[in-house]
Protein backbone atom coordinates (compact mmCIF):
# COMPACT_ATOMS: atom_id res chain seq x y z
CA UNK A 1 110.23 -39.65 191.52
CA UNK A 2 106.76 -38.49 192.49
CA UNK A 3 105.69 -38.53 188.82
CA UNK A 4 106.80 -42.16 188.52
CA UNK A 5 104.85 -42.98 191.69
CA UNK A 6 101.78 -41.28 190.20
CA UNK A 7 102.11 -43.24 186.95
CA UNK A 8 102.56 -46.52 188.80
CA UNK A 9 99.44 -45.87 190.88
CA UNK A 10 97.47 -45.10 187.73
CA UNK A 11 98.70 -48.32 186.11
CA UNK A 12 97.69 -50.32 189.19
CA UNK A 13 94.24 -48.72 189.12
CA UNK A 14 93.84 -49.43 185.39
CA UNK A 15 94.86 -53.07 185.82
CA UNK A 16 92.56 -53.44 188.83
CA UNK A 17 89.64 -52.11 186.79
CA UNK A 18 90.40 -54.53 183.95
CA UNK A 19 90.60 -57.47 186.36
CA UNK A 20 87.37 -56.43 188.07
CA UNK A 21 85.60 -56.18 184.72
CA UNK A 22 86.90 -59.62 183.71
CA UNK A 23 85.79 -61.18 186.99
CA UNK A 24 82.34 -59.63 186.81
CA UNK A 25 81.86 -60.89 183.22
CA UNK A 26 83.48 -64.30 183.76
CA UNK A 27 80.30 -66.39 183.78
CA UNK A 28 78.75 -64.67 180.77
CA UNK A 29 81.33 -65.98 178.29
CA UNK A 30 80.38 -68.92 176.12
CA UNK A 31 83.33 -69.52 173.80
CA UNK A 32 85.97 -71.75 175.44
CA UNK A 33 88.84 -70.39 173.32
CA UNK A 34 87.88 -66.87 174.29
CA UNK A 35 87.77 -67.87 177.98
CA UNK A 36 91.22 -69.42 177.76
CA UNK A 37 92.64 -66.30 176.13
CA UNK A 38 91.01 -64.11 178.74
CA UNK A 39 92.31 -66.33 181.52
CA UNK A 40 95.83 -65.87 180.16
CA UNK A 41 95.26 -62.12 180.02
CA UNK A 42 93.92 -62.17 183.57
CA UNK A 43 97.03 -63.96 184.78
CA UNK A 44 99.28 -61.47 182.97
CA UNK A 45 97.34 -58.53 184.43
CA UNK A 46 97.56 -59.99 187.93
CA UNK A 47 101.29 -60.60 187.65
CA UNK A 48 101.89 -57.09 186.30
CA UNK A 49 99.69 -55.59 189.02
CA UNK A 50 101.54 -57.47 191.78
CA UNK A 51 104.88 -56.37 190.36
CA UNK A 52 103.74 -52.74 190.24
CA UNK A 53 102.39 -52.85 193.79
CA UNK A 54 105.71 -54.19 195.09
CA UNK A 55 107.62 -51.60 193.08
CA UNK A 56 105.35 -48.73 194.10
CA UNK A 57 105.08 -49.43 197.81
CA UNK A 58 108.68 -49.71 198.87
CA UNK A 59 110.59 -47.70 201.46
CA UNK A 60 112.27 -45.52 198.85
CA UNK A 61 108.94 -44.03 197.75
CA UNK A 62 107.26 -43.78 201.15
CA UNK A 63 107.51 -39.98 201.12
CA UNK A 64 105.10 -39.92 198.15
CA UNK A 65 102.26 -41.63 199.99
CA UNK A 66 100.71 -38.51 201.48
CA UNK A 67 100.93 -36.63 198.17
CA UNK A 68 98.84 -39.22 196.35
CA UNK A 69 96.41 -40.27 199.03
CA UNK A 70 93.40 -39.97 196.69
CA UNK A 71 94.85 -42.46 194.22
CA UNK A 72 95.90 -44.80 197.00
CA UNK A 73 92.36 -44.70 198.41
CA UNK A 74 90.96 -45.42 194.95
CA UNK A 75 93.31 -48.39 194.65
CA UNK A 76 92.23 -49.69 198.07
CA UNK A 77 88.56 -49.34 197.09
CA UNK A 78 89.21 -51.33 193.91
CA UNK A 79 91.02 -53.99 195.94
CA UNK A 80 87.95 -54.29 198.15
CA UNK A 81 85.73 -54.64 195.08
CA UNK A 82 88.07 -57.29 193.67
CA UNK A 83 87.87 -59.23 196.93
CA UNK A 84 84.07 -59.02 196.98
CA UNK A 85 83.77 -60.07 193.33
CA UNK A 86 86.13 -63.00 193.87
CA UNK A 87 84.02 -64.15 196.83
CA UNK A 88 80.85 -63.91 194.71
CA UNK A 89 82.46 -65.89 191.91
CA UNK A 90 83.64 -68.51 194.38
CA UNK A 91 80.09 -68.87 195.71
CA UNK A 92 78.66 -69.21 192.20
CA UNK A 93 81.22 -71.88 191.35
CA UNK A 94 80.55 -73.73 194.59
CA UNK A 95 76.79 -73.66 193.96
CA UNK A 96 77.26 -74.85 190.37
CA UNK A 97 79.51 -77.67 191.52
CA UNK A 98 76.98 -78.80 194.12
CA UNK A 99 74.20 -78.77 191.51
CA UNK A 100 76.35 -80.85 189.15
CA UNK A 101 77.08 -83.37 191.88
CA UNK A 102 73.36 -83.65 192.71
CA UNK A 103 72.53 -84.14 189.02
CA UNK A 104 75.18 -86.84 188.68
CA UNK A 105 73.92 -88.57 191.79
CA UNK A 106 70.35 -88.49 190.49
CA UNK A 107 71.46 -89.82 187.08
CA UNK A 108 73.41 -92.68 188.61
CA UNK A 109 70.43 -93.56 190.85
CA UNK A 110 68.13 -93.51 187.81
CA UNK A 111 70.50 -95.82 185.87
CA UNK A 112 70.24 -98.43 188.61
CA UNK A 113 66.54 -98.92 187.88
């Protein structure tokens, strides 16, 4: 059972790294079809990761926690990085949206004259 726990933790870490890489490269993509495909992949990775986390951290496997503390700490560190990257992306999107609104406002003001 401990081996399964170990494998599940490694899968969670791998998925977390993929998601983090996708989030950090999100604004560098230019092809819309590629973005859509990656967004679908991101959703699949997130769903798989959530499923694995629920499966891994249940009461039946709680005795394995202390044996694999290093991997659990690595997973927690990746979760923190994911949270930070999501916050950065949110700020970038918010800033971009505000710039677009200002540009639209300026264009509509210009059209009046």
